[in-house]
């Protein structure tokens, strides 16, 4: 089985360093692995960081970018049960998604949800696993709580709005976003409170919207630049989940303020988790999240789909923050 083409990073740098090239054959799937003929992949912020040379793949992972994909199973390794050649699937990857074929542990593979196209499904694994693991496993969001989602118009944000409203319908969802159009799209997806981070103080808006209590759960993609304000915005017994560092890496944490609220700060990532943790999260997504997709309560939010050979343009779109939801790369398979 051969990978015919893949997007390679010629050297660290801007989008122009991405090259659509012929690459060597992949080895056949090993024990517990499946091979997938890729129909589509999706752009994640981590891909841009990898391209820039500041977020290398974990040891042993593919140098090809791409942390999720969708397609058809083309081969099964020994010991794989529950799948057959030809199945339409999507998968959570450690790397390698920007290619025509990929090999992945079977525990990281999901069926394409009912009512979702194979290409659209490429934009689901990373966001679904991130939201499920952070909001529902780490933060243990309860129905009726106030939830603040930073980056509400991102792939993670658009998915999280819908999942919280579907799974915890009595909760209040607030988001931050950077333009009136993005704020309106978040409202259309179910956000009850939409905050312009350019023009408004999200701490003050959250306090007012929550009756002075604050946010029970905050999902944050910014990191250092938002840490102090996130702690201020927390409700008593609130939980802050930091999943990104777009606003920097280092910041001071006011332990006095955190202790006064009995608050918790969690910092999590998905890519470097051990295989058994990823498999557990994927299984939870299949059990808890996929039924909402099948019922139509959640839909993939796709900004656009570009040929995989145009990965550089897709990176420019995501880097410019002009998109809403996910940007896909399609192989034409």
C-alpha atoms as a PDB file:
ATOM      1  CA  UNK A   1       0.000   0.000   0.000  1.00  0.00           C
ATOM      2  CA  UNK A   2       1.519   3.332  -1.049  1.00  0.00           C
ATOM      3  CA  UNK A   3       0.995   6.914  -0.065  1.00  0.00           C
ATOM      4  CA  UNK A   4       1.057   8.568  -3.462  1.00  0.00           C
ATOM      5  CA  UNK A   5       1.162  12.212  -2.362  1.00  0.00           C
ATOM      6  CA  UNK A   6       1.461  14.188   0.848  1.00  0.00           C
ATOM      7  CA  UNK A   7       1.960  17.767   1.986  1.00  0.00           C
ATOM      8  CA  UNK A   8       5.520  18.121   3.214  1.00  0.00           C
ATOM      9  CA  UNK A   9       7.168  20.995   5.108  1.00  0.00           C
ATOM     10  CA  UNK A  10      10.306  21.921   3.163  1.00  0.00           C
ATOM     11  CA  UNK A  11      11.669  24.045   6.037  1.00  0.00           C
ATOM     12  CA  UNK A  12      10.157  25.968   8.951  1.00  0.00           C
ATOM     13  CA  UNK A  13       8.389  29.100   7.763  1.00  0.00           C
ATOM     14  CA  UNK A  14       5.247  30.578   6.249  1.00  0.00           C
ATOM     15  CA  UNK A  15       2.579  28.825   4.228  1.00  0.00           C
ATOM     16  CA  UNK A  16       4.793  28.859   1.143  1.00  0.00           C
ATOM     17  CA  UNK A  17       7.009  26.100   2.642  1.00  0.00           C
ATOM     18  CA  UNK A  18       4.212  23.532   2.201  1.00  0.00           C
ATOM     19  CA  UNK A  19       4.834  21.247  -0.784  1.00  0.00           C
ATOM     20  CA  UNK A  20       2.481  18.687  -2.392  1.00  0.00           C
ATOM     21  CA  UNK A  21       4.858  15.835  -3.250  1.00  0.00           C
ATOM     22  CA  UNK A  22       5.159  12.159  -4.017  1.00  0.00           C
ATOM     23  CA  UNK A  23       6.330  10.323  -0.905  1.00  0.00           C
ATOM     24  CA  UNK A  24       7.591   6.805  -0.153  1.00  0.00           C
ATOM     25  CA  UNK A  25       5.215   3.925   0.416  1.00  0.00           C
ATOM     26  CA  UNK A  26       3.797   3.482   3.890  1.00  0.00           C
ATOM     27  CA  UNK A  27       4.382   0.150   5.615  1.00  0.00           C
ATOM     28  CA  UNK A  28       1.266  -2.038   5.871  1.00  0.00           C
ATOM     29  CA  UNK A  29      -0.800  -1.633   9.055  1.00  0.00           C
ATOM     30  CA  UNK A  30       0.676  -3.410  12.059  1.00  0.00           C
ATOM     31  CA  UNK A  31      -1.005  -5.056  15.014  1.00  0.00           C
ATOM     32  CA  UNK A  32      -4.150  -3.157  15.960  1.00  0.00           C
ATOM     33  CA  UNK A  33      -3.824  -0.665  13.093  1.00  0.00           C
ATOM     34  CA  UNK A  34      -5.865   0.187  10.013  1.00  0.00           C
ATOM     35  CA  UNK A  35      -4.910   1.891   6.775  1.00  0.00           C
ATOM     36  CA  UNK A  36      -7.195   4.622   5.458  1.00  0.00           C
ATOM     37  CA  UNK A  37      -7.460   5.946   1.915  1.00  0.00           C
ATOM     38  CA  UNK A  38      -7.884   9.613   2.740  1.00  0.00           C
ATOM     39  CA  UNK A  39     -10.736  11.660   1.298  1.00  0.00           C
ATOM     40  CA  UNK A  40     -10.153  14.771   3.416  1.00  0.00           C
ATOM     41  CA  UNK A  41      -8.189  16.241   6.291  1.00  0.00           C
ATOM     42  CA  UNK A  42      -8.711  19.456   8.258  1.00  0.00           C
ATOM     43  CA  UNK A  43      -6.540  22.356   9.356  1.00  0.00           C
ATOM     44  CA  UNK A  44      -5.802  22.753  13.063  1.00  0.00           C
ATOM     45  CA  UNK A  45      -3.913  25.543  14.770  1.00  0.00           C
ATOM     46  CA  UNK A  46      -1.250  22.994  15.789  1.00  0.00           C
ATOM     47  CA  UNK A  47      -0.541  22.372  12.088  1.00  0.00           C
ATOM     48  CA  UNK A  48       0.404  26.028  11.654  1.00  0.00           C
ATOM     49  CA  UNK A  49       2.711  25.835  14.656  1.00  0.00           C
ATOM     50  CA  UNK A  50       4.325  22.660  13.287  1.00  0.00           C
ATOM     51  CA  UNK A  51       4.879  24.388   9.944  1.00  0.00           C
ATOM     52  CA  UNK A  52       6.559  27.286  11.770  1.00  0.00           C
ATOM     53  CA  UNK A  53       8.903  24.879  13.556  1.00  0.00           C
ATOM     54  CA  UNK A  54       7.658  25.542  17.085  1.00  0.00           C
ATOM     55  CA  UNK A  55       5.470  22.444  17.617  1.00  0.00           C
ATOM     56  CA  UNK A  56       7.262  19.336  16.344  1.00  0.00           C
ATOM     57  CA  UNK A  57       5.387  16.030  16.195  1.00  0.00           C
ATOM     58  CA  UNK A  58       5.881  13.646  19.137  1.00  0.00           C
ATOM     59  CA  UNK A  59       8.686  11.082  18.829  1.00  0.00           C
ATOM     60  CA  UNK A  60       7.796   8.370  16.344  1.00  0.00           C
ATOM     61  CA  UNK A  61       4.940  10.340  14.746  1.00  0.00           C
ATOM     62  CA  UNK A  62       4.756  11.192  11.059  1.00  0.00           C
ATOM     63  CA  UNK A  63       6.491  14.380   9.934  1.00  0.00           C
ATOM     64  CA  UNK A  64       3.533  14.979   7.608  1.00  0.00           C
ATOM     65  CA  UNK A  65       1.117  17.475   9.228  1.00  0.00           C
ATOM     66  CA  UNK A  66      -2.535  16.712   9.820  1.00  0.00           C
ATOM     67  CA  UNK A  67      -4.143  15.575  13.075  1.00  0.00           C
ATOM     68  CA  UNK A  68      -7.411  14.227  11.679  1.00  0.00           C
ATOM     69  CA  UNK A  69      -8.748  12.737   8.483  1.00  0.00           C
ATOM     70  CA  UNK A  70     -11.652  10.907   6.879  1.00  0.00           C
ATOM     71  CA  UNK A  71     -11.875   8.307   4.154  1.00  0.00           C
ATOM     72  CA  UNK A  72     -12.278   4.587   3.542  1.00  0.00           C
ATOM     73  CA  UNK A  73     -10.487   1.714   5.260  1.00  0.00           C
ATOM     74  CA  UNK A  74      -8.156   0.119   2.709  1.00  0.00           C
ATOM     75  CA  UNK A  75      -6.419  -2.520   4.852  1.00  0.00           C
ATOM     76  CA  UNK A  76      -6.610  -4.063   8.330  1.00  0.00           C
ATOM     77  CA  UNK A  77      -3.705  -5.069  10.511  1.00  0.00           C
ATOM     78  CA  UNK A  78      -3.656  -8.210  12.654  1.00  0.00           C
ATOM     79  CA  UNK A  79      -5.968  -8.193  15.656  1.00  0.00           C
ATOM     80  CA  UNK A  80      -8.379  -5.551  14.387  1.00  0.00           C
ATOM     81  CA  UNK A  81     -12.036  -6.311  15.057  1.00  0.00           C
ATOM     82  CA  UNK A  82     -15.180  -4.352  14.268  1.00  0.00           C
ATOM     83  CA  UNK A  83     -13.955  -2.827  10.998  1.00  0.00           C
ATOM     84  CA  UNK A  84     -13.802  -4.044   7.408  1.00  0.00           C
ATOM     85  CA  UNK A  85     -12.193  -2.834   4.202  1.00  0.00           C
ATOM     86  CA  UNK A  86     -14.368  -0.183   2.594  1.00  0.00           C
ATOM     87  CA  UNK A  87     -15.855   1.217   5.809  1.00  0.00           C
ATOM     88  CA  UNK A  88     -16.326   4.998   5.777  1.00  0.00           C
ATOM     89  CA  UNK A  89     -14.432   6.380   8.757  1.00  0.00           C
ATOM     90  CA  UNK A  90     -12.775   9.397  10.302  1.00  0.00           C
ATOM     91  CA  UNK A  91      -9.795   9.268  12.634  1.00  0.00           C
ATOM     92  CA  UNK A  92      -7.848  11.152  15.282  1.00  0.00           C
ATOM     93  CA  UNK A  93      -4.180  11.236  14.276  1.00  0.00           C
ATOM     94  CA  UNK A  94      -0.843  12.156  15.809  1.00  0.00           C
ATOM     95  CA  UNK A  95       0.208  13.305  12.349  1.00  0.00           C
ATOM     96  CA  UNK A  96       0.066  12.313   8.700  1.00  0.00           C
ATOM     97  CA  UNK A  97      -3.402  13.541   7.765  1.00  0.00           C
ATOM     98  CA  UNK A  98      -2.332  15.751   4.832  1.00  0.00           C
ATOM     99  CA  UNK A  99      -1.795  12.720   2.627  1.00  0.00           C
ATOM    100  CA  UNK A 100      -3.613  10.330   0.356  1.00  0.00           C
ATOM    101  CA  UNK A 101      -3.185   7.427   2.772  1.00  0.00           C
ATOM    102  CA  UNK A 102      -2.504   7.049   6.481  1.00  0.00           C
ATOM    103  CA  UNK A 103      -2.057   4.262   9.032  1.00  0.00           C
ATOM    104  CA  UNK A 104      -3.651   4.764  12.454  1.00  0.00           C
ATOM    105  CA  UNK A 105      -4.386   2.713  15.590  1.00  0.00           C
ATOM    106  CA  UNK A 106      -7.867   1.229  15.340  1.00  0.00           C
ATOM    107  CA  UNK A 107      -8.764   2.721  18.731  1.00  0.00           C
ATOM    108  CA  UNK A 108      -8.592   6.197  17.167  1.00  0.00           C
ATOM    109  CA  UNK A 109     -11.021   5.432  14.344  1.00  0.00           C
ATOM    110  CA  UNK A 110     -14.680   6.451  14.287  1.00  0.00           C
ATOM    111  CA  UNK A 111     -17.469   5.692  11.836  1.00  0.00           C
ATOM    112  CA  UNK A 112     -18.626   8.596   9.695  1.00  0.00           C
ATOM    113  CA  UNK A 113     -21.733   9.795  11.560  1.00  0.00           C
ATOM    114  CA  UNK A 114     -25.157   9.306  10.022  1.00  0.00           C
ATOM    115  CA  UNK A 115     -26.125  12.343   7.949  1.00  0.00           C
ATOM    116  CA  UNK A 116     -22.547  13.616   7.572  1.00  0.00           C
ATOM    117  CA  UNK A 117     -20.591  13.311   4.329  1.00  0.00           C
ATOM    118  CA  UNK A 118     -17.242  11.547   4.285  1.00  0.00           C
ATOM    119  CA  UNK A 119     -15.420  14.801   3.535  1.00  0.00           C
ATOM    120  CA  UNK A 120     -17.235  16.766   6.255  1.00  0.00           C
ATOM    121  CA  UNK A 121     -16.337  14.085   8.799  1.00  0.00           C
ATOM    122  CA  UNK A 122     -12.662  15.057   8.492  1.00  0.00           C
ATOM    123  CA  UNK A 123     -13.427  18.122  10.598  1.00  0.00           C
ATOM    124  CA  UNK A 124     -14.907  16.177  13.506  1.00  0.00           C
ATOM    125  CA  UNK A 125     -12.360  13.980  15.354  1.00  0.00           C
ATOM    126  CA  UNK A 126     -10.079  16.668  16.791  1.00  0.00           C
ATOM    127  CA  UNK A 127     -12.845  19.035  17.883  1.00  0.00           C
ATOM    128  CA  UNK A 128     -15.129  16.301  19.206  1.00  0.00           C
ATOM    129  CA  UNK A 129     -12.352  14.679  21.240  1.00  0.00           C
ATOM    130  CA  UNK A 130     -11.113  18.037  22.553  1.00  0.00           C
ATOM    131  CA  UNK A 131     -14.560  19.217  23.643  1.00  0.00           C
ATOM    132  CA  UNK A 132     -15.642  15.875  25.079  1.00  0.00           C
ATOM    133  CA  UNK A 133     -12.448  15.366  27.067  1.00  0.00           C
ATOM    134  CA  UNK A 134     -12.248  18.914  28.433  1.00  0.00           C
ATOM    135  CA  UNK A 135     -15.824  20.013  29.077  1.00  0.00           C
ATOM    136  CA  UNK A 136     -17.384  16.677  29.954  1.00  0.00           C
ATOM    137  CA  UNK A 137     -14.525  14.682  31.490  1.00  0.00           C
ATOM    138  CA  UNK A 138     -12.144  17.230  33.002  1.00  0.00           C
ATOM    139  CA  UNK A 139     -14.566  20.053  33.847  1.00  0.00           C
ATOM    140  CA  UNK A 140     -17.559  17.716  34.326  1.00  0.00           C
ATOM    141  CA  UNK A 141     -20.001  20.355  33.184  1.00  0.00           C
ATOM    142  CA  UNK A 142     -23.421  20.031  34.804  1.00  0.00           C
ATOM    143  CA  UNK A 143     -26.753  21.046  33.375  1.00  0.00           C
ATOM    144  CA  UNK A 144     -27.663  24.614  34.258  1.00  0.00           C
ATOM    145  CA  UNK A 145     -24.070  25.864  34.519  1.00  0.00           C
ATOM    146  CA  UNK A 146     -22.664  28.970  32.838  1.00  0.00           C
ATOM    147  CA  UNK A 147     -20.024  28.125  30.207  1.00  0.00           C
ATOM    148  CA  UNK A 148     -17.626  30.580  28.549  1.00  0.00           C
ATOM    149  CA  UNK A 149     -15.997  29.492  25.280  1.00  0.00           C
ATOM    150  CA  UNK A 150     -13.142  31.614  23.967  1.00  0.00           C
ATOM    151  CA  UNK A 151     -12.763  31.491  20.198  1.00  0.00           C
ATOM    152  CA  UNK A 152     -16.431  30.751  19.701  1.00  0.00           C
ATOM    153  CA  UNK A 153     -16.201  30.867  15.889  1.00  0.00           C
ATOM    154  CA  UNK A 154     -13.305  28.400  15.684  1.00  0.00           C
ATOM    155  CA  UNK A 155     -13.711  24.738  14.884  1.00  0.00           C
ATOM    156  CA  UNK A 156     -13.632  23.857  18.572  1.00  0.00           C
ATOM    157  CA  UNK A 157     -15.869  26.774  19.515  1.00  0.00           C
ATOM    158  CA  UNK A 158     -18.586  26.088  16.956  1.00  0.00           C
ATOM    159  CA  UNK A 159     -18.669  22.434  17.945  1.00  0.00           C
ATOM    160  CA  UNK A 160     -18.627  23.171  21.685  1.00  0.00           C
ATOM    161  CA  UNK A 161     -21.575  25.574  21.427  1.00  0.00           C
ATOM    162  CA  UNK A 162     -23.683  22.883  19.820  1.00  0.00           C
ATOM    163  CA  UNK A 163     -22.605  20.025  22.068  1.00  0.00           C
ATOM    164  CA  UNK A 164     -23.175  21.950  25.304  1.00  0.00           C
ATOM    165  CA  UNK A 165     -26.628  23.045  24.132  1.00  0.00           C
ATOM    166  CA  UNK A 166     -27.470  19.468  23.049  1.00  0.00           C
ATOM    167  CA  UNK A 167     -26.099  17.603  26.066  1.00  0.00           C
ATOM    168  CA  UNK A 168     -26.710  20.221  28.794  1.00  0.00           C
ATOM    169  CA  UNK A 169     -29.731  22.147  27.462  1.00  0.00           C
ATOM    170  CA  UNK A 170     -30.319  24.155  30.647  1.00  0.00           C
ATOM    171  CA  UNK A 171     -26.802  25.610  30.528  1.00  0.00           C
ATOM    172  CA  UNK A 172     -25.939  29.117  29.360  1.00  0.00           C
ATOM    173  CA  UNK A 173     -23.266  29.354  26.665  1.00  0.00           C
ATOM    174  CA  UNK A 174     -21.241  32.540  26.288  1.00  0.00           C
ATOM    175  CA  UNK A 175     -18.582  33.017  23.627  1.00  0.00           C
ATOM    176  CA  UNK A 176     -15.937  35.490  22.613  1.00  0.00           C
ATOM    177  CA  UNK A 177     -15.235  36.288  18.954  1.00  0.00           C
ATOM    178  CA  UNK A 178     -13.676  39.077  16.936  1.00  0.00           C
ATOM    179  CA  UNK A 179     -16.257  40.319  14.447  1.00  0.00           C
ATOM    180  CA  UNK A 180     -19.993  40.995  14.268  1.00  0.00           C
ATOM    181  CA  UNK A 181     -20.388  38.288  11.620  1.00  0.00           C
ATOM    182  CA  UNK A 182     -18.668  35.706  13.792  1.00  0.00           C
ATOM    183  CA  UNK A 183     -20.691  36.707  16.850  1.00  0.00           C
ATOM    184  CA  UNK A 184     -23.903  36.360  14.856  1.00  0.00           C
ATOM    185  CA  UNK A 185     -22.876  32.910  13.608  1.00  0.00           C
ATOM    186  CA  UNK A 186     -22.244  31.843  17.199  1.00  0.00           C
ATOM    187  CA  UNK A 187     -25.735  33.018  18.158  1.00  0.00           C
ATOM    188  CA  UNK A 188     -27.196  31.038  15.271  1.00  0.00           C
ATOM    189  CA  UNK A 189     -25.461  27.931  16.606  1.00  0.00           C
ATOM    190  CA  UNK A 190     -26.990  28.424  20.051  1.00  0.00           C
ATOM    191  CA  UNK A 191     -24.797  30.794  22.062  1.00  0.00           C
ATOM    192  CA  UNK A 192     -26.967  32.964  24.313  1.00  0.00           C
ATOM    193  CA  UNK A 193     -24.224  35.503  25.115  1.00  0.00           C
ATOM    194  CA  UNK A 194     -21.855  36.746  22.387  1.00  0.00           C
ATOM    195  CA  UNK A 195     -18.936  38.986  23.410  1.00  0.00           C
ATOM    196  CA  UNK A 196     -16.651  40.977  21.124  1.00  0.00           C
ATOM    197  CA  UNK A 197     -13.170  40.556  22.521  1.00  0.00           C
ATOM    198  CA  UNK A 198     -12.112  43.650  20.566  1.00  0.00           C
ATOM    199  CA  UNK A 199     -14.702  46.004  22.063  1.00  0.00           C
ATOM    200  CA  UNK A 200     -15.923  44.472  25.325  1.00  0.00           C
ATOM    201  CA  UNK A 201     -14.536  43.263  28.640  1.00  0.00           C
ATOM    202  CA  UNK A 202     -15.530  39.612  28.764  1.00  0.00           C
ATOM    203  CA  UNK A 203     -15.170  39.560  32.548  1.00  0.00           C
ATOM    204  CA  UNK A 204     -17.744  42.320  32.983  1.00  0.00           C
ATOM    205  CA  UNK A 205     -20.136  40.824  30.423  1.00  0.00           C
ATOM    206  CA  UNK A 206     -19.930  37.362  32.006  1.00  0.00           C
ATOM    207  CA  UNK A 207     -20.563  38.765  35.469  1.00  0.00           C
ATOM    208  CA  UNK A 208     -23.600  40.692  34.279  1.00  0.00           C
ATOM    209  CA  UNK A 209     -25.020  37.802  32.236  1.00  0.00           C
ATOM    210  CA  UNK A 210     -24.541  35.350  35.112  1.00  0.00           C
ATOM    211  CA  UNK A 211     -26.143  37.575  37.736  1.00  0.00           C
ATOM    212  CA  UNK A 212     -22.785  38.356  39.316  1.00  0.00           C
ATOM    213  CA  UNK A 213     -21.762  34.725  39.790  1.00  0.00           C
ATOM    214  CA  UNK A 214     -19.269  34.233  36.947  1.00  0.00           C
ATOM    215  CA  UNK A 215     -18.558  31.299  34.667  1.00  0.00           C
ATOM    216  CA  UNK A 216     -18.683  27.789  36.081  1.00  0.00           C
ATOM    217  CA  UNK A 217     -16.580  26.462  33.198  1.00  0.00           C
ATOM    218  CA  UNK A 218     -14.218  28.290  30.834  1.00  0.00           C
ATOM    219  CA  UNK A 219     -12.634  26.709  27.749  1.00  0.00           C
ATOM    220  CA  UNK A 220      -9.642  28.847  26.760  1.00  0.00           C
ATOM    221  CA  UNK A 221      -7.467  28.775  23.666  1.00  0.00           C
ATOM    222  CA  UNK A 222      -5.458  31.895  24.520  1.00  0.00           C
ATOM    223  CA  UNK A 223      -3.318  30.915  27.490  1.00  0.00           C
ATOM    224  CA  UNK A 224      -1.091  33.498  29.141  1.00  0.00           C
ATOM    225  CA  UNK A 225      -2.782  36.700  27.998  1.00  0.00           C
ATOM    226  CA  UNK A 226      -6.182  35.574  29.335  1.00  0.00           C
ATOM    227  CA  UNK A 227      -5.125  33.719  32.487  1.00  0.00           C
ATOM    228  CA  UNK A 228      -5.651  36.491  35.046  1.00  0.00           C
ATOM    229  CA  UNK A 229      -8.966  37.612  33.554  1.00  0.00           C
ATOM    230  CA  UNK A 230     -10.181  34.031  33.270  1.00  0.00           C
ATOM    231  CA  UNK A 231      -9.549  33.480  36.972  1.00  0.00           C
ATOM    232  CA  UNK A 232     -11.391  36.730  37.741  1.00  0.00           C
ATOM    233  CA  UNK A 233     -14.302  35.560  35.561  1.00  0.00           C
ATOM    234  CA  UNK A 234     -14.613  32.184  37.308  1.00  0.00           C
ATOM    235  CA  UNK A 235     -17.573  31.466  39.560  1.00  0.00           C
ATOM    236  CA  UNK A 236     -17.040  29.818  42.949  1.00  0.00           C
ATOM    237  CA  UNK A 237     -15.898  26.228  42.346  1.00  0.00           C
ATOM    238  CA  UNK A 238     -15.278  27.167  38.702  1.00  0.00           C
ATOM    239  CA  UNK A 239     -13.085  25.171  36.348  1.00  0.00           C
ATOM    240  CA  UNK A 240     -10.768  26.669  33.730  1.00  0.00           C
ATOM    241  CA  UNK A 241      -9.528  24.397  30.932  1.00  0.00           C
ATOM    242  CA  UNK A 242      -6.609  25.833  28.949  1.00  0.00           C
ATOM    243  CA  UNK A 243      -6.177  24.138  25.562  1.00  0.00           C
ATOM    244  CA  UNK A 244      -4.078  26.656  23.648  1.00  0.00           C
ATOM    245  CA  UNK A 245      -1.402  29.316  23.889  1.00  0.00           C
ATOM    246  CA  UNK A 246      -2.322  31.768  21.138  1.00  0.00           C
ATOM    247  CA  UNK A 247      -1.870  34.569  23.680  1.00  0.00           C
ATOM    248  CA  UNK A 248       1.480  33.418  25.026  1.00  0.00           C
ATOM    249  CA  UNK A 249       3.070  30.783  27.219  1.00  0.00           C
ATOM    250  CA  UNK A 250       4.025  32.397  30.526  1.00  0.00           C
ATOM    251  CA  UNK A 251       1.848  34.333  32.975  1.00  0.00           C
ATOM    252  CA  UNK A 252       1.549  34.864  36.713  1.00  0.00           C
ATOM    253  CA  UNK A 253      -1.229  32.986  38.475  1.00  0.00           C
ATOM    254  CA  UNK A 254      -2.858  34.722  41.449  1.00  0.00           C
ATOM    255  CA  UNK A 255      -3.222  31.780  43.809  1.00  0.00           C
ATOM    256  CA  UNK A 256      -5.051  33.925  46.329  1.00  0.00           C
ATOM    257  CA  UNK A 257      -7.802  34.692  43.831  1.00  0.00           C
ATOM    258  CA  UNK A 258      -7.970  31.042  42.788  1.00  0.00           C
ATOM    259  CA  UNK A 259      -8.106  29.784  46.367  1.00  0.00           C
ATOM    260  CA  UNK A 260     -10.809  32.281  47.273  1.00  0.00           C
ATOM    261  CA  UNK A 261     -12.995  30.758  44.578  1.00  0.00           C
ATOM    262  CA  UNK A 262     -11.960  27.154  45.191  1.00  0.00           C
ATOM    263  CA  UNK A 263     -11.185  27.242  41.491  1.00  0.00           C
ATOM    264  CA  UNK A 264      -9.292  24.772  39.359  1.00  0.00           C
ATOM    265  CA  UNK A 265      -7.043  25.369  36.367  1.00  0.00           C
ATOM    266  CA  UNK A 266      -6.471  22.453  34.012  1.00  0.00           C
ATOM    267  CA  UNK A 267      -4.033  22.527  31.099  1.00  0.00           C
ATOM    268  CA  UNK A 268      -4.597  19.743  28.603  1.00  0.00           C
ATOM    269  CA  UNK A 269      -3.448  18.610  25.189  1.00  0.00           C
ATOM    270  CA  UNK A 270      -4.563  15.773  22.957  1.00  0.00           C
ATOM    271  CA  UNK A 271      -1.820  15.052  20.455  1.00  0.00           C
ATOM    272  CA  UNK A 272       0.792  13.692  22.862  1.00  0.00           C
ATOM    273  CA  UNK A 273      -1.514  11.520  24.977  1.00  0.00           C
ATOM    274  CA  UNK A 274      -0.737   7.793  25.239  1.00  0.00           C
ATOM    275  CA  UNK A 275      -2.635   5.536  22.841  1.00  0.00           C
ATOM    276  CA  UNK A 276      -4.849   4.083  25.564  1.00  0.00           C
ATOM    277  CA  UNK A 277      -6.003   7.556  26.624  1.00  0.00           C
ATOM    278  CA  UNK A 278      -6.808   8.536  23.050  1.00  0.00           C
ATOM    279  CA  UNK A 279      -8.714   5.283  22.547  1.00  0.00           C
ATOM    280  CA  UNK A 280     -10.750   5.935  25.680  1.00  0.00           C
ATOM    281  CA  UNK A 281     -11.635   9.462  24.574  1.00  0.00           C
ATOM    282  CA  UNK A 282     -12.551   8.271  21.072  1.00  0.00           C
ATOM    283  CA  UNK A 283     -14.801   5.580  22.547  1.00  0.00           C
ATOM    284  CA  UNK A 284     -16.519   8.193  24.722  1.00  0.00           C
ATOM    285  CA  UNK A 285     -17.055  10.411  21.675  1.00  0.00           C
ATOM    286  CA  UNK A 286     -18.640   7.533  19.780  1.00  0.00           C
ATOM    287  CA  UNK A 287     -20.957   6.745  22.710  1.00  0.00           C
ATOM    288  CA  UNK A 288     -21.788  10.259  23.905  1.00  0.00           C
ATOM    289  CA  UNK A 289     -21.342  12.633  20.957  1.00  0.00           C
ATOM    290  CA  UNK A 290     -22.095  10.683  17.782  1.00  0.00           C
ATOM    291  CA  UNK A 291     -25.783  10.166  18.723  1.00  0.00           C
ATOM    292  CA  UNK A 292     -26.244  13.958  18.735  1.00  0.00           C
ATOM    293  CA  UNK A 293     -24.800  14.130  15.215  1.00  0.00           C
ATOM    294  CA  UNK A 294     -27.006  11.267  14.036  1.00  0.00           C
ATOM    295  CA  UNK A 295     -30.049  13.062  15.454  1.00  0.00           C
ATOM    296  CA  UNK A 296     -29.122  16.324  13.746  1.00  0.00           C
ATOM    297  CA  UNK A 297     -28.640  18.243  16.988  1.00  0.00           C
ATOM    298  CA  UNK A 298     -25.020  18.963  15.976  1.00  0.00           C
ATOM    299  CA  UNK A 299     -23.756  19.672  12.466  1.00  0.00           C
ATOM    300  CA  UNK A 300     -20.184  20.115  11.246  1.00  0.00           C
ATOM    301  CA  UNK A 301     -19.451  23.774  10.589  1.00  0.00           C
ATOM    302  CA  UNK A 302     -17.294  23.886   7.450  1.00  0.00           C
ATOM    303  CA  UNK A 303     -15.978  27.241   6.253  1.00  0.00           C
ATOM    304  CA  UNK A 304     -14.549  25.915   2.993  1.00  0.00           C
ATOM    305  CA  UNK A 305     -12.850  22.910   1.378  1.00  0.00           C
ATOM    306  CA  UNK A 306      -9.720  23.284  -0.742  1.00  0.00           C
ATOM    307  CA  UNK A 307      -7.680  20.726  -2.682  1.00  0.00           C
ATOM    308  CA  UNK A 308      -4.922  19.249  -0.554  1.00  0.00           C
ATOM    309  CA  UNK A 309      -2.416  20.550  -3.087  1.00  0.00           C
ATOM    310  CA  UNK A 310      -3.526  24.045  -1.965  1.00  0.00           C
ATOM    311  CA  UNK A 311      -2.634  23.498   1.693  1.00  0.00           C
ATOM    312  CA  UNK A 312      -0.644  26.744   1.697  1.00  0.00           C
ATOM    313  CA  UNK A 313      -3.769  28.768   0.907  1.00  0.00           C
ATOM    314  CA  UNK A 314      -5.720  26.885   3.576  1.00  0.00           C
ATOM    315  CA  UNK A 315      -3.035  27.789   6.127  1.00  0.00           C
ATOM    316  CA  UNK A 316      -3.269  31.435   5.106  1.00  0.00           C
ATOM    317  CA  UNK A 317      -7.023  31.427   5.656  1.00  0.00           C
ATOM    318  CA  UNK A 318      -6.687  29.903   9.127  1.00  0.00           C
ATOM    319  CA  UNK A 319      -3.770  32.156  10.017  1.00  0.00           C
ATOM    320  CA  UNK A 320      -5.740  35.258   9.017  1.00  0.00           C
ATOM    321  CA  UNK A 321      -8.625  34.246  11.342  1.00  0.00           C
ATOM    322  CA  UNK A 322     -11.182  34.994   8.641  1.00  0.00           C
ATOM    323  CA  UNK A 323     -12.880  31.596   8.786  1.00  0.00           C
ATOM    324  CA  UNK A 324     -15.750  30.206  10.856  1.00  0.00           C
ATOM    325  CA  UNK A 325     -15.581  26.544  11.801  1.00  0.00           C
ATOM    326  CA  UNK A 326     -13.251  24.178   9.975  1.00  0.00           C
ATOM    327  CA  UNK A 327     -11.202  24.511   6.801  1.00  0.00           C
ATOM    328  CA  UNK A 328     -10.883  21.185   4.969  1.00  0.00           C
ATOM    329  CA  UNK A 329      -8.338  19.755   2.555  1.00  0.00           C
ATOM    330  CA  UNK A 330      -9.709  17.223   0.060  1.00  0.00           C
ATOM    331  CA  UNK A 331      -7.746  14.703  -1.978  1.00  0.00           C
ATOM    332  CA  UNK A 332     -10.275  13.999  -4.692  1.00  0.00           C
ATOM    333  CA  UNK A 333     -10.286  10.319  -3.699  1.00  0.00           C
END
